Protein backbone atom coordinates (compact mmCIF):
# COMPACT_ATOMS: atom_id res chain seq x y z
CA MET A 1 23.56 -13.87 -18.16
CA THR A 2 23.79 -17.53 -17.29
CA THR A 3 20.87 -19.83 -16.61
CA THR A 4 21.77 -19.87 -12.90
CA GLU A 5 21.63 -16.06 -12.76
CA LYS A 6 18.28 -16.04 -14.56
CA ILE A 7 16.87 -18.54 -12.05
CA ALA A 8 18.17 -16.50 -9.10
CA ASN A 9 16.60 -13.32 -10.51
CA ALA A 10 13.29 -15.10 -11.11
CA LYS A 11 13.27 -16.36 -7.50
CA LYS A 12 13.83 -12.79 -6.26
CA ARG A 13 10.91 -11.54 -8.36
CA ILE A 14 8.69 -14.36 -7.08
CA ASP A 15 9.59 -13.47 -3.48
CA GLU A 16 8.73 -9.81 -4.12
CA LEU A 17 5.40 -10.77 -5.68
CA GLU A 18 4.55 -13.06 -2.77
CA ARG A 19 5.25 -10.21 -0.32
CA LEU A 20 3.02 -7.88 -2.35
CA ILE A 21 0.20 -10.45 -2.43
CA LYS A 22 0.45 -10.89 1.33
CA TYR A 23 0.41 -7.10 1.76
CA TRP A 24 -2.66 -6.68 -0.46
CA ASN A 25 -4.54 -9.57 1.20
CA ASP A 26 -3.77 -8.43 4.74
CA SER A 27 -6.98 -6.58 5.57
CA ASP A 28 -6.70 -7.04 9.36
CA HIS A 29 -4.82 -3.77 9.85
CA ASP A 30 -6.01 -0.34 8.79
CA GLU A 31 -2.83 1.66 9.45
CA PRO A 32 -0.68 2.67 6.48
CA LYS A 33 2.11 0.28 5.57
CA ILE A 34 5.44 0.66 3.85
CA VAL A 35 6.92 -2.23 1.91
CA ASN A 36 10.67 -1.98 1.46
CA PHE A 37 12.32 -3.84 -1.39
CA SER A 38 16.05 -3.92 -1.80
CA ARG A 39 17.11 -2.88 -5.26
CA ASN A 40 20.39 -3.95 -6.79
CA ILE A 41 21.07 -2.16 -10.06
CA GLU A 42 24.12 -3.21 -12.01
CA ASN A 43 25.60 -1.22 -14.84
CA LYS A 44 26.91 -3.55 -17.54
CA VAL A 45 28.68 -2.50 -20.69
CA ALA A 46 28.33 -4.78 -23.68
């Protein structure tokens, strides 16, 4: 994995964490919420 790929993956994780923080801090609504995250799983053979 190249440095560019590592940075891109880190940015994706940061975005997911920011969405989770916003979800947890959003106490204005009492109805149940669903947070959808896209998952991209790659199978790599070494």
